[in-house]
């Protein structure tokens, strides 16, 4: 969706499960903004240190320099107000404060592009993404490929046992699943397989 504006801001959301290309799409849009000679700033949460400390990195290894922040209010502290385009990766890690901050940035004339998971490991809406989706002018839902049957996948399947809402990981800890193959929580067989791998030989 192309939006033609003067100094009017807006919010774009790229959401979907893990391994669906969200970060790649975020990087693509930010690179286009740079080609258009817009001032761009990119932020990611400190929590996401899987591939690099100061870059957003897609699972396909596309990279872009970013600033690391502990929480959503830190985005405002580090923001250069000359910035025209604000990119935020892993938006689902920032909590409810991100909703007001994204809205404030858009109200002050900035293009805000956010990427994040829209559902958690139980298949529930992943805050603050539902609220952000309601505020957005543009929404792109990305789909992955189900690792079990090859159909379009909208869910992120956790493979390691934990009741924590946020467990940072990538391949080996999560996989994409379609509606039919998704098992909310952790599949029992996968837990057994994981436990077998980490248990000492007897």
Protein backbone atom coordinates (compact mmCIF):
# COMPACT_ATOMS: atom_id res chain seq x y z
CA UNK A 1 0.00 0.00 0.00
CA UNK A 2 1.53 3.33 -1.04
CA UNK A 3 0.54 6.38 0.98
CA UNK A 4 1.18 9.83 -0.50
CA UNK A 5 1.48 12.56 2.12
CA UNK A 6 3.19 15.82 2.93
CA UNK A 7 4.12 15.95 6.60
CA UNK A 8 1.37 13.63 7.78
CA UNK A 9 2.58 10.63 9.75
CA UNK A 10 1.21 7.11 9.72
CA UNK A 11 1.76 3.61 11.11
CA UNK A 12 2.58 0.50 9.08
CA UNK A 13 2.51 -2.98 10.65
CA UNK A 14 4.23 -6.11 9.36
CA UNK A 15 3.03 -9.07 11.44
CA UNK A 16 2.91 -12.85 11.32
CA UNK A 17 4.61 -15.93 12.79
CA UNK A 18 8.32 -16.57 13.06
CA UNK A 19 10.13 -17.46 9.81
CA UNK A 20 7.60 -15.56 7.69
CA UNK A 21 9.88 -12.74 6.50
CA UNK A 22 8.75 -9.92 8.80
CA UNK A 23 12.24 -8.55 9.44
CA UNK A 24 13.13 -8.89 5.75
CA UNK A 25 10.08 -6.82 4.81
CA UNK A 26 10.91 -4.24 7.48
CA UNK A 27 14.48 -3.95 6.17
CA UNK A 28 13.21 -3.68 2.58
CA UNK A 29 10.91 -0.77 3.44
CA UNK A 30 13.59 1.02 5.46
CA UNK A 31 16.10 0.66 2.63
CA UNK A 32 13.58 2.16 0.20
CA UNK A 33 13.12 5.09 2.57
CA UNK A 34 16.90 5.62 2.61
CA UNK A 35 17.01 5.49 -1.19
CA UNK A 36 14.37 8.24 -1.13
CA UNK A 37 16.83 10.23 1.03
CA UNK A 38 14.64 10.18 4.10
CA UNK A 39 16.16 10.28 7.57
CA UNK A 40 15.72 6.80 9.06
CA UNK A 41 16.21 5.48 12.58
CA UNK A 42 15.85 1.82 13.50
CA UNK A 43 15.24 0.37 16.97
CA UNK A 44 15.20 -3.11 18.47
CA UNK A 45 14.79 -4.40 22.05
CA UNK A 46 17.82 -5.33 24.15
CA UNK A 47 16.14 -8.69 24.71
CA UNK A 48 16.70 -9.71 21.08
CA UNK A 49 20.41 -10.59 20.94
CA UNK A 50 20.09 -13.76 18.86
CA UNK A 51 22.16 -12.74 15.83
CA UNK A 52 23.71 -9.33 16.57
CA UNK A 53 23.72 -6.71 19.30
CA UNK A 54 23.37 -3.60 17.13
CA UNK A 55 21.60 -4.86 14.00
CA UNK A 56 18.19 -6.15 13.07
CA UNK A 57 18.79 -9.47 11.34
CA UNK A 58 16.35 -11.59 9.37
CA UNK A 59 16.43 -15.39 9.46
CA UNK A 60 17.73 -15.10 5.89
CA UNK A 61 20.67 -13.03 7.25
CA UNK A 62 19.66 -9.65 5.85
CA UNK A 63 21.00 -6.99 8.19
CA UNK A 64 20.54 -3.33 9.05
CA UNK A 65 22.19 -1.22 11.74
CA UNK A 66 19.86 -0.43 14.63
CA UNK A 67 19.82 1.22 18.03
CA UNK A 68 19.16 -1.00 21.01
CA UNK A 69 16.66 0.12 23.66
CA UNK A 70 15.57 -1.41 26.94
CA UNK A 71 11.95 -0.30 26.66
CA UNK A 72 9.54 1.70 24.54
CA UNK A 73 10.09 5.10 26.26
CA UNK A 74 13.80 4.83 25.42
CA UNK A 75 12.85 5.16 21.75
CA UNK A 76 11.79 8.74 22.41
CA UNK A 77 14.98 9.43 24.38
CA UNK A 78 17.18 8.26 21.48
CA UNK A 79 15.07 9.73 18.71
CA UNK A 80 16.51 12.49 16.54
CA UNK A 81 13.47 14.65 15.88
CA UNK A 82 14.71 15.31 12.34
CA UNK A 83 14.06 11.61 11.68
CA UNK A 84 11.29 11.03 9.14
CA UNK A 85 10.99 7.22 9.24
CA UNK A 86 11.12 5.13 12.43
CA UNK A 87 11.56 1.35 12.16
CA UNK A 88 10.90 -0.91 15.15
CA UNK A 89 11.62 -4.65 15.06
CA UNK A 90 10.27 -7.28 17.48
CA UNK A 91 7.50 -4.89 18.54
CA UNK A 92 5.81 -7.64 20.56
CA UNK A 93 8.67 -7.41 23.12
CA UNK A 94 8.02 -3.75 24.00
CA UNK A 95 4.79 -4.01 25.97
CA UNK A 96 1.74 -1.70 26.07
CA UNK A 97 3.78 1.53 26.24
CA UNK A 98 4.66 1.11 22.58
CA UNK A 99 1.06 1.82 21.55
CA UNK A 100 1.09 5.40 22.82
CA UNK A 101 4.62 6.03 21.58
CA UNK A 102 3.91 4.79 18.06
CA UNK A 103 0.78 6.94 17.95
CA UNK A 104 2.70 9.96 19.22
CA UNK A 105 5.39 9.50 16.56
CA UNK A 106 2.79 9.27 13.80
CA UNK A 107 0.93 12.31 15.15
CA UNK A 108 4.16 14.34 14.89
CA UNK A 109 4.48 13.51 11.18
CA UNK A 110 6.69 10.42 11.19
CA UNK A 111 6.29 7.24 9.18
CA UNK A 112 6.40 4.43 11.76
CA UNK A 113 7.04 0.88 10.53
CA UNK A 114 6.71 -1.89 13.11
CA UNK A 115 7.36 -5.61 12.74
CA UNK A 116 6.41 -8.29 15.26
CA UNK A 117 4.61 -11.49 16.15
CA UNK A 118 0.84 -11.13 16.24
CA UNK A 119 0.23 -14.35 18.24
CA UNK A 120 2.12 -16.10 21.05
CA UNK A 121 3.08 -19.76 21.55
CA UNK A 122 -0.47 -20.54 22.70
CA UNK A 123 -2.02 -18.96 19.60
CA UNK A 124 -3.34 -15.94 21.55
CA UNK A 125 -3.05 -12.31 20.38
CA UNK A 126 0.39 -11.06 21.46
CA UNK A 127 0.16 -7.64 23.16
CA UNK A 128 0.71 -4.90 22.17
CA UNK A 129 0.20 -6.00 18.56
CA UNK A 130 -3.66 -6.07 18.62
CA UNK A 131 -3.79 -2.44 19.77
CA UNK A 132 -1.16 -1.41 17.22
CA UNK A 133 -3.12 -3.14 14.44
CA UNK A 134 -6.17 -1.05 15.36
CA UNK A 135 -4.14 2.17 15.05
CA UNK A 136 -2.33 1.32 11.81
CA UNK A 137 -3.05 2.82 8.40
CA UNK A 138 -1.36 -0.14 6.68
CA UNK A 139 -1.19 -3.81 7.73
CA UNK A 140 0.78 -6.61 6.05
CA UNK A 141 0.21 -10.15 7.31
CA UNK A 142 3.08 -12.46 6.36
CA UNK A 143 2.79 -16.26 6.31
CA UNK A 144 5.46 -18.91 6.72
CA UNK A 145 5.53 -22.52 5.47
CA UNK A 146 4.34 -25.21 7.87
CA UNK A 147 7.28 -27.39 8.85
CA UNK A 148 4.98 -30.41 9.14
CA UNK A 149 2.84 -30.36 5.99
CA UNK A 150 4.00 -27.48 3.80
CA UNK A 151 0.77 -25.49 3.94
CA UNK A 152 0.70 -21.75 4.69
CA UNK A 153 1.59 -21.26 8.37
CA UNK A 154 0.18 -18.57 10.64
CA UNK A 155 1.37 -19.94 13.99
CA UNK A 156 4.67 -20.10 15.85
CA UNK A 157 5.13 -23.51 17.48
CA UNK A 158 7.33 -23.59 20.59
CA UNK A 159 9.42 -26.76 20.86
CA UNK A 160 11.03 -26.23 24.27
CA UNK A 161 9.21 -26.54 27.57
CA UNK A 162 8.56 -23.22 29.31
CA UNK A 163 5.52 -21.39 30.62
CA UNK A 164 7.14 -17.98 30.10
CA UNK A 165 5.42 -15.78 27.53
CA UNK A 166 8.75 -14.64 26.07
CA UNK A 167 11.49 -17.18 25.35
CA UNK A 168 13.95 -15.72 22.84
CA UNK A 169 15.11 -18.24 20.27
CA UNK A 170 15.13 -19.26 16.62
CA UNK A 171 15.37 -22.51 14.66
CA UNK A 172 15.51 -25.51 16.99
CA UNK A 173 13.34 -23.78 19.58
CA UNK A 174 10.47 -22.75 17.30
CA UNK A 175 8.97 -23.71 13.99
CA UNK A 176 6.15 -22.44 11.81
CA UNK A 177 2.90 -24.42 11.82
CA UNK A 178 -0.38 -24.17 9.93
CA UNK A 179 -3.77 -24.07 11.63
CA UNK A 180 -4.15 -27.87 11.43
CA UNK A 181 -0.66 -28.81 12.68
CA UNK A 182 -0.37 -26.19 15.42
CA UNK A 183 -0.48 -27.49 19.00
CA UNK A 184 -0.93 -24.65 21.52
CA UNK A 185 1.90 -24.71 24.04
CA UNK A 186 4.55 -27.39 23.57
CA UNK A 187 3.85 -30.67 21.72
CA UNK A 188 4.39 -33.62 24.06
CA UNK A 189 6.42 -35.57 21.52
CA UNK A 190 8.68 -32.58 20.87
CA UNK A 191 9.25 -32.19 24.63
CA UNK A 192 10.28 -35.83 24.86
CA UNK A 193 12.61 -35.48 21.87
CA UNK A 194 14.16 -32.30 23.30
CA UNK A 195 14.61 -33.89 26.74
CA UNK A 196 16.24 -36.91 25.12
CA UNK A 197 18.73 -34.69 23.28
CA UNK A 198 19.83 -32.78 26.39
CA UNK A 199 19.86 -35.74 28.82
CA UNK A 200 23.23 -37.43 29.48
CA UNK A 201 23.72 -40.88 27.99
CA UNK A 202 22.95 -43.69 30.43
